[in-house]
Amino acid sequence: MAAPDAFDRPAREPRPAFSVDEPIAERLVRVVMNLAAELAVVRERLDTVERLLTTKGSVTTADIEAFTPDEATDAARREWREAYVARIFADLEAEIDAARQQLGDRAAD
């Protein structure tokens, strides 16, 4: 059974402040970026499989490895990657913007 004081806390506590100067934060960012890159590769490979299945009805590893996207496919993938990266960095960018705003407000005082 949990200690009684564990139930006295609010259900959602404020998130801790993030500082990229902290070594653990840097490592965490690297891990997240590596996972994001791997996921992007898997997503692109899945897109290849789906396109090959649509056109050929079956797919082999050799088909996947030999696939070269046309310009439209390449453009669609580029658009997806840009949106994907924007989603990954959205919170961090918002925090950086807020910090810049705070610094600007302090400079104006």
Protein backbone atom coordinates (compact mmCIF):
# COMPACT_ATOMS: atom_id res chain seq x y z
CA MET A 1 0.00 0.00 0.00
CA ALA A 2 1.27 3.47 -0.87
CA ALA A 3 2.19 5.93 1.84
CA PRO A 4 -0.76 8.16 2.79
CA ASP A 5 1.05 11.32 1.67
CA ALA A 6 1.26 9.93 -1.89
CA PHE A 7 -2.46 10.58 -2.24
CA ASP A 8 -2.18 14.16 -1.03
CA ARG A 9 -0.32 15.27 -4.16
CA PRO A 10 -2.17 16.63 -7.17
CA ALA A 11 -2.77 14.10 -9.95
CA ARG A 12 -0.58 16.10 -12.32
CA GLU A 13 2.47 17.83 -11.05
CA PRO A 14 4.22 20.50 -13.10
CA ARG A 15 6.79 19.16 -15.53
CA PRO A 16 10.37 19.70 -14.46
CA ALA A 17 12.28 22.48 -16.18
CA PHE A 18 14.40 21.27 -19.09
CA SER A 19 17.93 22.46 -19.63
CA VAL A 20 20.07 21.23 -22.50
CA ASP A 21 23.09 22.07 -20.36
CA GLU A 22 22.42 18.98 -18.27
CA PRO A 23 24.36 15.90 -19.48
CA ILE A 24 21.40 13.57 -18.90
CA ALA A 25 19.17 15.84 -20.99
CA GLU A 26 21.69 15.80 -23.82
CA ARG A 27 21.82 12.01 -23.74
CA LEU A 28 18.05 11.81 -23.66
CA VAL A 29 17.77 14.10 -26.68
CA ARG A 30 20.29 11.92 -28.55
CA VAL A 31 18.32 8.77 -27.69
CA VAL A 32 15.05 10.35 -28.82
CA MET A 33 16.63 11.58 -32.05
CA ASN A 34 18.10 8.14 -32.79
CA LEU A 35 14.71 6.51 -32.20
CA ALA A 36 13.02 9.13 -34.37
CA ALA A 37 15.50 8.50 -37.18
CA GLU A 38 14.96 4.74 -36.98
CA LEU A 39 11.19 5.22 -37.03
CA ALA A 40 11.47 7.47 -40.09
CA VAL A 41 13.43 4.75 -41.90
CA VAL A 42 10.84 2.12 -40.96
CA ARG A 43 8.02 4.42 -42.09
CA GLU A 44 9.73 4.99 -45.46
CA ARG A 45 10.30 1.27 -45.90
CA LEU A 46 6.65 0.57 -45.06
CA ASP A 47 5.63 3.15 -47.64
CA THR A 48 7.77 1.29 -50.18
CA VAL A 49 6.10 -2.03 -49.30
CA GLU A 50 2.63 -0.49 -49.58
CA ARG A 51 3.41 1.05 -52.96
CA LEU A 52 4.86 -2.21 -54.30
CA LEU A 53 1.88 -4.21 -53.06
CA THR A 54 -0.47 -1.75 -54.75
CA THR A 55 1.32 -1.99 -58.09
CA LYS A 56 2.52 -5.61 -58.08
CA GLY A 57 0.28 -7.44 -55.62
CA SER A 58 3.29 -9.05 -53.93
CA VAL A 59 6.68 -7.96 -52.71
CA THR A 60 10.09 -9.45 -52.05
CA THR A 61 13.06 -8.10 -50.15
CA ALA A 62 14.81 -7.62 -53.47
CA ASP A 63 11.86 -5.52 -54.70
CA ILE A 64 12.10 -3.33 -51.62
CA GLU A 65 15.85 -2.87 -51.95
CA ALA A 66 15.58 -2.07 -55.68
CA PHE A 67 12.71 0.42 -55.30
CA THR A 68 13.45 3.94 -56.45
CA PRO A 69 10.74 6.49 -55.67
CA ASP A 70 9.47 8.72 -58.45
CA GLU A 71 9.41 12.51 -57.99
CA ALA A 72 5.87 12.56 -56.56
CA THR A 73 6.69 9.84 -54.03
CA ASP A 74 9.92 11.55 -53.10
CA ALA A 75 8.08 14.86 -52.61
CA ALA A 76 5.39 13.19 -50.47
CA ARG A 77 8.06 11.56 -48.32
CA ARG A 78 9.93 14.83 -47.94
CA GLU A 79 6.71 16.56 -46.87
CA TRP A 80 6.03 13.79 -44.32
CA ARG A 81 9.59 14.05 -42.93
CA GLU A 82 9.32 17.82 -42.52
CA ALA A 83 6.02 17.51 -40.64
CA TYR A 84 7.43 14.63 -38.56
CA VAL A 85 10.49 16.64 -37.50
CA ALA A 86 8.26 19.64 -36.70
CA ARG A 87 6.09 17.43 -34.44
CA ILE A 88 9.15 16.04 -32.67
CA PHE A 89 10.61 19.47 -31.95
CA ALA A 90 7.33 21.32 -31.29
CA ASP A 91 7.54 21.19 -27.47
CA LEU A 92 11.22 22.04 -27.42
CA GLU A 93 10.74 24.96 -29.81
CA ALA A 94 7.83 26.23 -27.72
CA GLU A 95 9.99 26.10 -24.60
CA ILE A 96 12.85 27.90 -26.36
CA ASP A 97 10.44 30.56 -27.66
CA ALA A 98 9.04 31.05 -24.14
CA ALA A 99 12.57 31.39 -22.73
CA ARG A 100 13.44 33.94 -25.42
CA GLN A 101 10.26 35.85 -24.66
CA GLN A 102 11.17 35.90 -20.96
CA LEU A 103 14.66 37.16 -21.76
CA GLY A 104 13.18 39.82 -24.04
CA ASP A 105 10.75 40.89 -21.33
CA ARG A 106 13.59 41.17 -18.82
CA ALA A 107 15.72 43.20 -21.26
CA ALA A 108 12.81 45.58 -21.83
CA ASP A 109 12.48 46.26 -18.09
